[in-house]
N, C-alpha and C. Protein backbone atom coordinates (compact mmCIF):
# COMPACT_ATOMS: atom_id res chain seq x y z
N MET A 1 155.16 138.25 254.78
CA MET A 1 154.43 138.25 253.66
C MET A 1 154.78 139.22 252.65
N GLU A 2 155.00 138.79 251.57
CA GLU A 2 155.40 139.95 250.65
C GLU A 2 154.22 140.98 250.23
N ARG A 3 154.72 142.03 250.19
CA ARG A 3 153.35 143.24 249.64
C ARG A 3 154.31 144.24 248.74
N TYR A 4 153.52 144.27 247.56
CA TYR A 4 153.78 145.20 246.57
C TYR A 4 153.31 146.66 246.62
N ALA A 5 153.74 147.71 246.60
CA ALA A 5 153.06 148.75 246.90
C ALA A 5 153.27 149.69 245.46
N TYR A 6 152.33 150.44 245.32
CA TYR A 6 152.19 151.13 243.83
C TYR A 6 151.52 152.48 244.47
N PHE A 7 152.19 153.75 243.87
CA PHE A 7 151.49 154.92 244.15
C PHE A 7 150.92 155.62 242.76
N SER A 8 149.61 155.58 242.74
CA SER A 8 148.87 156.28 241.69
C SER A 8 148.66 157.32 241.81
N ASN A 9 149.06 158.31 240.83
CA ASN A 9 148.55 159.79 240.85
C ASN A 9 147.18 160.36 240.21
N SER A 10 146.92 159.11 239.68
CA SER A 10 145.19 159.56 238.81
C SER A 10 144.69 158.28 238.93
N PRO A 11 143.25 158.56 238.71
CA PRO A 11 142.40 157.21 238.35
C PRO A 11 142.75 156.68 236.91
N GLU A 12 143.54 157.54 236.12
CA GLU A 12 144.04 156.66 235.04
C GLU A 12 145.28 155.87 234.93
N GLU A 13 146.29 156.14 236.11
CA GLU A 13 147.12 155.46 236.65
C GLU A 13 146.59 153.96 237.21
N THR A 14 145.70 154.45 238.07
CA THR A 14 145.05 153.32 238.71
C THR A 14 144.30 152.20 237.60
N ALA A 15 143.82 152.72 236.72
CA ALA A 15 143.03 151.78 235.69
C ALA A 15 144.25 151.19 234.92
N GLN A 16 145.37 151.87 234.69
CA GLN A 16 146.34 151.32 233.72
C GLN A 16 146.85 150.03 234.70
N LEU A 17 147.14 150.15 235.85
CA LEU A 17 147.65 148.95 236.82
C LEU A 17 146.80 147.71 236.41
N ALA A 18 145.22 148.24 236.73
CA ALA A 18 144.13 147.19 236.65
C ALA A 18 143.93 146.37 235.23
N THR A 19 144.34 147.47 234.35
CA THR A 19 144.27 146.58 232.98
C THR A 19 145.37 145.48 232.69
N LYS A 20 146.66 146.00 233.10
CA LYS A 20 147.77 145.44 232.87
C LYS A 20 147.72 144.08 233.90
N LEU A 21 147.14 144.07 235.17
CA LEU A 21 146.70 142.89 235.96
C LEU A 21 145.72 141.93 235.08
N ALA A 22 144.92 142.55 234.73
CA ALA A 22 143.72 142.04 233.96
C ALA A 22 144.18 140.95 232.83
N ASN A 23 145.36 141.47 232.24
CA ASN A 23 146.16 140.54 231.23
C ASN A 23 146.67 139.53 231.51
N LEU A 24 147.25 139.31 232.80
CA LEU A 24 147.93 138.11 233.38
C LEU A 24 146.90 137.20 233.97
N LEU A 25 145.54 137.47 234.33
CA LEU A 25 144.64 136.51 234.98
C LEU A 25 144.14 135.52 234.22
N LYS A 26 143.84 134.07 234.89
CA LYS A 26 143.28 133.03 234.24
C LYS A 26 142.25 132.56 235.02
N PRO A 27 141.35 131.61 234.61
CA PRO A 27 140.25 131.02 235.06
C PRO A 27 140.54 130.73 236.71
N GLY A 28 139.69 130.96 237.29
CA GLY A 28 139.74 130.57 238.98
C GLY A 28 140.49 131.50 239.65
N ASP A 29 140.83 132.68 239.00
CA ASP A 29 141.73 133.77 239.90
C ASP A 29 140.85 134.35 240.76
N VAL A 30 141.02 134.77 242.07
CA VAL A 30 140.23 135.62 243.03
C VAL A 30 141.18 136.70 243.39
N LEU A 31 140.45 137.62 243.36
CA LEU A 31 141.10 138.96 243.78
C LEU A 31 140.39 139.48 245.06
N THR A 32 140.72 140.21 246.11
CA THR A 32 140.06 140.78 247.08
C THR A 32 140.34 142.08 247.01
N LEU A 33 139.18 143.11 247.17
CA LEU A 33 139.59 144.60 247.15
C LEU A 33 139.17 145.25 248.30
N GLU A 34 139.79 145.96 248.95
CA GLU A 34 139.55 146.54 250.08
C GLU A 34 139.79 148.02 249.85
N GLY A 35 139.04 149.03 250.74
CA GLY A 35 139.47 150.50 250.48
C GLY A 35 138.22 151.26 251.12
N ASP A 36 138.56 152.24 251.66
CA ASP A 36 137.16 153.04 252.12
C ASP A 36 136.55 153.66 250.99
N LEU A 37 135.07 153.99 251.18
CA LEU A 37 134.26 154.51 250.23
C LEU A 37 135.01 155.69 249.50
N GLY A 38 134.98 155.64 248.26
CA GLY A 38 135.72 156.72 247.40
C GLY A 38 136.99 156.36 247.20
N ALA A 39 137.65 155.63 247.73
CA ALA A 39 139.19 155.12 247.57
C ALA A 39 139.44 154.72 246.11
N GLY A 40 138.75 154.38 245.19
CA GLY A 40 138.93 154.05 244.20
C GLY A 40 138.65 152.37 243.70
N LYS A 41 138.02 151.50 244.52
CA LYS A 41 137.61 150.22 244.05
C LYS A 41 136.77 150.10 242.80
N THR A 42 135.91 150.87 242.51
CA THR A 42 135.31 150.98 241.45
C THR A 42 135.92 151.39 240.04
N THR A 43 136.78 152.26 240.33
CA THR A 43 137.67 152.71 239.34
C THR A 43 138.56 151.42 238.85
N PHE A 44 139.21 150.69 239.96
CA PHE A 44 140.07 149.80 239.57
C PHE A 44 139.12 148.35 239.15
N THR A 45 138.04 148.27 239.42
CA THR A 45 137.01 147.06 239.00
C THR A 45 136.71 147.45 237.52
N LYS A 46 136.42 148.42 237.30
CA LYS A 46 135.77 148.98 236.05
C LYS A 46 137.20 148.66 234.99
N ALA A 47 138.29 148.96 235.22
CA ALA A 47 139.44 149.05 234.36
C ALA A 47 139.78 147.35 234.38
N LEU A 48 139.65 146.65 235.21
CA LEU A 48 139.89 145.27 235.36
C LEU A 48 139.05 144.52 234.22
N ALA A 49 138.05 144.91 234.37
CA ALA A 49 136.66 144.18 233.62
C ALA A 49 137.07 144.71 232.21
N LYS A 50 137.04 145.82 231.80
CA LYS A 50 137.61 146.15 230.51
C LYS A 50 138.73 145.43 230.04
N GLY A 51 139.49 145.28 230.90
CA GLY A 51 141.10 144.43 230.52
C GLY A 51 140.69 143.02 230.24
N LEU A 52 139.62 142.48 230.98
CA LEU A 52 138.97 141.10 230.55
C LEU A 52 138.18 141.09 229.34
N GLY A 53 138.00 142.25 228.61
CA GLY A 53 137.34 142.37 227.65
C GLY A 53 135.46 142.45 227.80
N ILE A 54 135.34 142.47 228.92
CA ILE A 54 133.68 143.15 229.40
C ILE A 54 133.46 144.40 228.74
N LYS A 55 132.33 144.30 227.93
CA LYS A 55 131.79 145.59 227.20
C LYS A 55 130.76 146.12 228.28
N LYS A 56 129.99 145.50 228.83
CA LYS A 56 128.79 146.01 229.80
C LYS A 56 129.32 146.88 230.88
N THR A 57 128.53 148.06 231.27
CA THR A 57 128.92 148.76 232.22
C THR A 57 128.99 147.90 233.69
N VAL A 58 130.13 148.20 234.28
CA VAL A 58 130.41 147.65 235.71
C VAL A 58 130.10 148.58 236.52
N ASN A 59 129.28 148.30 237.44
CA ASN A 59 129.31 149.10 238.60
C ASN A 59 129.06 148.21 239.98
N SER A 60 129.09 148.76 241.14
CA SER A 60 129.07 148.29 242.30
C SER A 60 127.76 147.37 242.53
N PRO A 61 128.00 145.90 243.07
CA PRO A 61 126.98 145.00 243.00
C PRO A 61 126.41 145.11 244.57
N THR A 62 126.35 146.37 245.31
CA THR A 62 126.04 146.62 246.64
C THR A 62 124.76 146.04 247.11
N PHE A 63 123.71 145.99 246.40
CA PHE A 63 122.38 145.75 246.67
C PHE A 63 122.20 144.16 246.15
N THR A 64 122.98 143.54 245.18
CA THR A 64 122.73 142.53 244.53
C THR A 64 123.52 141.28 245.21
N ILE A 65 124.73 141.83 245.71
CA ILE A 65 125.92 140.85 246.00
C ILE A 65 126.60 140.52 245.11
N ILE A 66 126.00 139.74 244.11
CA ILE A 66 127.01 139.34 242.86
C ILE A 66 126.42 139.85 241.66
N LYS A 67 127.35 140.36 240.79
CA LYS A 67 126.97 140.62 239.41
C LYS A 67 127.64 139.67 238.37
N GLU A 68 127.43 138.91 237.58
CA GLU A 68 128.04 138.33 236.56
C GLU A 68 128.16 138.86 235.19
N TYR A 69 129.31 139.10 234.55
CA TYR A 69 129.65 139.39 233.23
C TYR A 69 130.52 138.35 232.53
N THR A 70 129.66 137.64 231.64
CA THR A 70 130.34 136.72 230.90
C THR A 70 130.84 136.99 229.36
N GLU A 71 130.59 137.82 228.83
CA GLU A 71 130.93 138.11 227.37
C GLU A 71 132.48 138.38 227.23
N GLY A 72 133.33 138.54 228.13
CA GLY A 72 134.79 138.98 227.94
C GLY A 72 135.69 137.75 227.68
N ARG A 73 137.18 138.03 227.62
CA ARG A 73 137.94 137.01 227.38
C ARG A 73 137.85 135.83 228.46
N LEU A 74 137.30 136.24 229.73
CA LEU A 74 137.23 135.25 230.77
C LEU A 74 135.77 135.87 231.51
N PRO A 75 135.02 135.09 232.11
CA PRO A 75 133.93 135.52 232.66
C PRO A 75 134.33 136.15 234.04
N PHE A 76 133.52 137.32 234.39
CA PHE A 76 134.23 138.03 235.38
C PHE A 76 132.90 138.23 236.49
N TYR A 77 133.11 137.83 238.00
CA TYR A 77 132.28 137.86 238.88
C TYR A 77 132.56 138.96 239.78
N HIS A 78 131.74 139.59 240.13
CA HIS A 78 131.96 140.93 240.89
C HIS A 78 131.31 140.91 241.95
N MET A 79 132.11 140.77 243.29
CA MET A 79 131.03 140.50 244.39
C MET A 79 131.16 141.72 245.59
N ASP A 80 130.18 142.26 245.96
CA ASP A 80 130.30 143.24 247.19
C ASP A 80 129.64 142.51 248.43
N VAL A 81 130.46 142.10 249.11
CA VAL A 81 129.91 141.59 250.51
C VAL A 81 129.70 142.43 251.55
N TYR A 82 129.57 143.61 251.53
CA TYR A 82 129.57 144.59 252.69
C TYR A 82 128.00 144.41 253.27
N ARG A 83 127.13 144.07 252.56
CA ARG A 83 125.56 144.06 253.38
C ARG A 83 125.48 142.52 254.20
N ILE A 84 126.26 141.66 253.73
CA ILE A 84 126.39 140.27 254.51
C ILE A 84 126.54 140.29 255.72
N GLU A 85 125.59 140.09 256.50
CA GLU A 85 125.43 139.94 258.15
C GLU A 85 125.72 138.58 258.73
N ASP A 86 125.55 137.51 257.98
CA ASP A 86 125.57 136.14 258.79
C ASP A 86 126.93 135.44 258.12
N GLY A 87 127.96 136.14 257.21
CA GLY A 87 128.91 135.35 256.65
C GLY A 87 128.69 134.83 255.47
N GLY A 88 127.61 134.78 254.88
CA GLY A 88 127.36 134.61 253.63
C GLY A 88 127.37 132.86 253.46
N GLU A 89 127.33 132.03 254.06
CA GLU A 89 127.43 130.65 254.30
C GLU A 89 126.75 129.79 253.06
N ASP A 90 125.28 130.64 252.81
CA ASP A 90 124.31 129.93 251.74
C ASP A 90 124.53 130.44 250.49
N LEU A 91 125.43 131.19 250.10
CA LEU A 91 125.49 132.07 248.82
C LEU A 91 126.29 131.35 247.81
N GLY A 92 126.90 130.26 248.15
CA GLY A 92 127.78 129.44 247.29
C GLY A 92 128.90 130.32 246.68
N PHE A 93 129.83 130.95 247.52
CA PHE A 93 130.92 131.65 247.09
C PHE A 93 132.05 130.70 246.36
N GLU A 94 132.05 129.45 246.81
CA GLU A 94 133.16 128.36 246.48
C GLU A 94 133.05 128.19 245.01
N GLU A 95 131.64 128.19 244.49
CA GLU A 95 131.30 127.79 243.13
C GLU A 95 132.03 128.96 242.18
N TYR A 96 131.91 130.03 242.69
CA TYR A 96 132.54 131.39 241.80
C TYR A 96 134.08 131.27 241.93
N PHE A 97 134.71 130.88 243.30
CA PHE A 97 136.10 130.83 243.43
C PHE A 97 136.82 129.75 242.79
N GLU A 98 136.04 128.75 242.36
CA GLU A 98 136.31 127.62 241.63
C GLU A 98 135.97 127.54 240.11
N SER A 99 135.67 128.70 239.57
CA SER A 99 134.87 128.65 238.40
C SER A 99 136.00 128.95 237.16
N ASP A 100 135.33 129.21 236.02
CA ASP A 100 135.90 129.39 234.66
C ASP A 100 136.35 131.00 234.67
N GLY A 101 136.10 131.53 235.57
CA GLY A 101 136.38 133.02 235.44
C GLY A 101 137.14 133.76 236.33
N VAL A 102 137.15 134.91 236.47
CA VAL A 102 137.89 135.87 237.48
C VAL A 102 136.72 136.50 238.63
N THR A 103 136.91 136.41 239.64
CA THR A 103 136.25 136.63 240.67
C THR A 103 136.93 137.92 241.60
N VAL A 104 136.34 139.02 241.68
CA VAL A 104 136.75 140.25 242.55
C VAL A 104 135.85 140.43 243.52
N VAL A 105 136.49 140.36 245.04
CA VAL A 105 135.35 140.43 245.98
C VAL A 105 135.74 141.88 246.79
N GLU A 106 134.73 142.62 246.97
CA GLU A 106 134.88 144.03 247.68
C GLU A 106 134.47 143.62 249.33
N TRP A 107 135.20 144.24 249.82
CA TRP A 107 134.95 144.31 251.52
C TRP A 107 135.16 142.91 251.87
N ALA A 108 136.18 141.73 251.37
CA ALA A 108 136.35 140.56 251.44
C ALA A 108 136.60 140.16 253.15
N HIS A 109 136.77 141.13 253.78
CA HIS A 109 137.69 140.76 255.29
C HIS A 109 136.04 140.37 255.77
N LEU A 110 135.13 140.41 255.24
CA LEU A 110 133.84 140.01 255.88
C LEU A 110 133.63 138.53 255.82
N ILE A 111 134.18 137.98 254.75
CA ILE A 111 133.92 136.38 254.61
C ILE A 111 135.37 135.85 254.56
N GLU A 112 136.24 136.60 255.31
CA GLU A 112 137.76 135.97 255.04
C GLU A 112 137.63 134.30 255.38
N GLU A 113 136.81 133.66 256.30
CA GLU A 113 137.14 132.56 256.48
C GLU A 113 136.81 131.44 255.15
N GLN A 114 135.96 132.09 254.27
CA GLN A 114 135.55 131.41 253.03
C GLN A 114 136.18 131.75 251.67
N LEU A 115 137.33 132.54 251.96
CA LEU A 115 138.30 132.97 250.93
C LEU A 115 139.14 131.67 250.73
N PRO A 116 139.57 131.60 249.33
CA PRO A 116 140.45 130.47 249.10
C PRO A 116 142.04 130.93 249.45
N SER A 117 143.21 130.04 249.69
CA SER A 117 144.19 130.27 250.27
C SER A 117 145.02 131.00 249.19
N ASN A 118 144.92 130.46 247.90
CA ASN A 118 145.66 131.23 246.84
C ASN A 118 144.86 132.38 246.29
N ARG A 119 145.19 133.45 246.32
CA ARG A 119 144.42 134.76 245.90
C ARG A 119 145.21 136.10 246.15
N LEU A 120 144.69 136.99 245.48
CA LEU A 120 145.66 138.36 245.39
C LEU A 120 144.62 139.48 246.24
N ASP A 121 145.11 139.69 247.22
CA ASP A 121 144.57 140.73 248.19
C ASP A 121 145.13 142.08 247.80
N ILE A 122 144.09 143.04 247.23
CA ILE A 122 144.32 144.50 247.04
C ILE A 122 143.68 145.51 247.72
N ALA A 123 144.35 146.21 248.40
CA ALA A 123 144.17 147.56 249.16
C ALA A 123 144.20 148.72 248.43
N ILE A 124 143.41 149.56 248.36
CA ILE A 124 143.44 150.94 247.91
C ILE A 124 143.20 151.73 249.02
N ASN A 125 144.53 152.67 249.28
CA ASN A 125 144.42 153.84 250.15
C ASN A 125 144.52 154.94 249.63
N TYR A 126 143.60 155.83 250.24
CA TYR A 126 143.50 157.28 249.86
C TYR A 126 144.57 157.81 250.43
N ILE A 127 145.33 158.67 249.55
CA ILE A 127 146.29 159.65 249.93
C ILE A 127 145.67 160.98 250.07
N GLU A 128 145.51 161.66 249.07
CA GLU A 128 145.08 162.89 248.73
C GLU A 128 144.35 163.14 247.41
N SER A 129 143.48 163.79 247.26
CA SER A 129 142.96 164.16 245.87
C SER A 129 142.74 162.95 245.19
N LYS A 130 143.66 163.12 244.12
CA LYS A 130 143.48 161.64 243.23
C LYS A 130 144.42 160.64 243.58
N LYS A 131 145.18 160.85 244.26
CA LYS A 131 146.58 159.95 244.52
C LYS A 131 146.18 159.01 245.62
N ARG A 132 146.67 157.60 245.38
CA ARG A 132 146.23 156.36 246.16
C ARG A 132 147.46 155.46 246.23
N ASN A 133 147.55 155.01 247.14
CA ASN A 133 148.48 153.61 247.66
C ASN A 133 147.79 152.57 247.48
N ILE A 134 148.32 151.65 246.49
CA ILE A 134 147.78 150.42 246.01
C ILE A 134 148.63 149.40 246.39
N ILE A 135 148.28 148.43 247.56
CA ILE A 135 148.94 147.37 247.93
C ILE A 135 148.53 146.15 247.57
N PHE A 136 149.38 145.41 246.85
CA PHE A 136 149.03 144.05 246.43
C PHE A 136 149.88 143.13 247.54
N THR A 137 149.06 142.23 247.87
CA THR A 137 149.65 141.08 249.04
C THR A 137 148.98 139.63 248.12
N PRO A 138 150.20 138.95 247.79
CA PRO A 138 149.90 137.95 247.17
C PRO A 138 149.89 136.53 247.94
N TYR A 139 148.89 135.70 247.73
CA TYR A 139 148.74 134.39 248.58
C TYR A 139 149.17 133.41 247.58
N GLY A 140 150.22 132.45 247.65
CA GLY A 140 150.36 131.58 246.62
C GLY A 140 151.17 132.14 245.67
N LYS A 141 152.15 130.95 245.11
CA LYS A 141 153.08 131.03 244.05
C LYS A 141 152.60 131.87 242.77
N ARG A 142 151.33 131.58 242.47
CA ARG A 142 150.78 132.08 240.87
C ARG A 142 150.70 133.47 241.33
N PHE A 143 150.42 134.09 242.41
CA PHE A 143 150.16 135.44 242.55
C PHE A 143 151.22 136.09 242.75
N ARG A 144 152.18 135.47 243.49
CA ARG A 144 153.59 136.00 243.89
C ARG A 144 154.16 136.36 242.57
N GLU A 145 154.11 135.40 241.44
CA GLU A 145 154.75 135.64 240.10
C GLU A 145 153.86 136.69 239.18
N ILE A 146 152.62 136.75 239.55
CA ILE A 146 151.88 137.94 238.93
C ILE A 146 152.34 139.29 239.36
N CYS A 147 152.64 139.36 240.67
CA CYS A 147 152.99 140.60 241.13
C CYS A 147 154.56 141.14 240.64
N LYS A 148 155.35 139.93 240.69
CA LYS A 148 156.71 140.01 240.33
C LYS A 148 156.59 140.72 238.64
N GLU A 149 155.69 140.09 238.00
CA GLU A 149 155.65 140.74 236.59
C GLU A 149 155.15 141.85 236.47
N LEU A 150 154.29 142.22 237.12
CA LEU A 150 153.78 143.62 237.02
C LEU A 150 154.82 144.63 237.51
N TRP A 151 155.59 144.28 238.41
CA TRP A 151 156.44 145.25 239.38
C TRP A 151 157.93 145.12 238.50
N ASN A 152 157.98 144.30 237.42
CA ASN A 152 158.99 144.29 236.57
C ASN A 152 158.79 144.93 235.21
N ASP A 153 157.48 145.21 234.86
CA ASP A 153 156.98 146.26 233.84
C ASP A 153 157.33 147.31 233.89
N ASP A 154 158.27 148.01 232.87
CA ASP A 154 158.91 149.17 233.06
C ASP A 154 157.69 150.48 232.67
N SER A 155 156.61 149.88 232.03
CA SER A 155 155.46 150.90 232.04
C SER A 155 154.60 151.02 233.19
N ILE A 156 155.22 150.42 234.35
CA ILE A 156 154.36 150.56 235.60
C ILE A 156 155.38 151.14 236.30
N SER A 157 154.78 152.46 236.84
CA SER A 157 155.93 153.35 237.75
C SER A 157 155.41 152.88 239.33
N HIS A 158 156.42 152.81 240.30
CA HIS A 158 156.26 152.36 241.36
C HIS A 158 156.52 153.50 242.50
């Protein structure tokens, strides 16, 4: 399994990576986002949404599970499945995963069996203060190509 590691020294560097990723995304792309509370999932997600042209304030959909933002270059669907107890069988995740937008799923391991086989898994790990280790694990040719393009970008330090 291929993995790509990025060491971020600040929230700004994390946001830069997310923005560059947003520029490579297409309709139907699914990203999963894992990390402890305070690791930087929201920082990453806000920058990703901004990179997609979303103007509204993006925040965690912890209590609503799914938030939709449709005014950007691509629609953006932000899911936080942390509070799902039964696996979310009746919430229609597949409709989002096969949609005309980009879907980000936080705490995705809780619905592992429902995730599409082609996706980009992102883990944000706390190192210290503002430093993070961000691991991209691509599933499928498209996401491997996206990772290679990001890691060949000279403006991204690894």
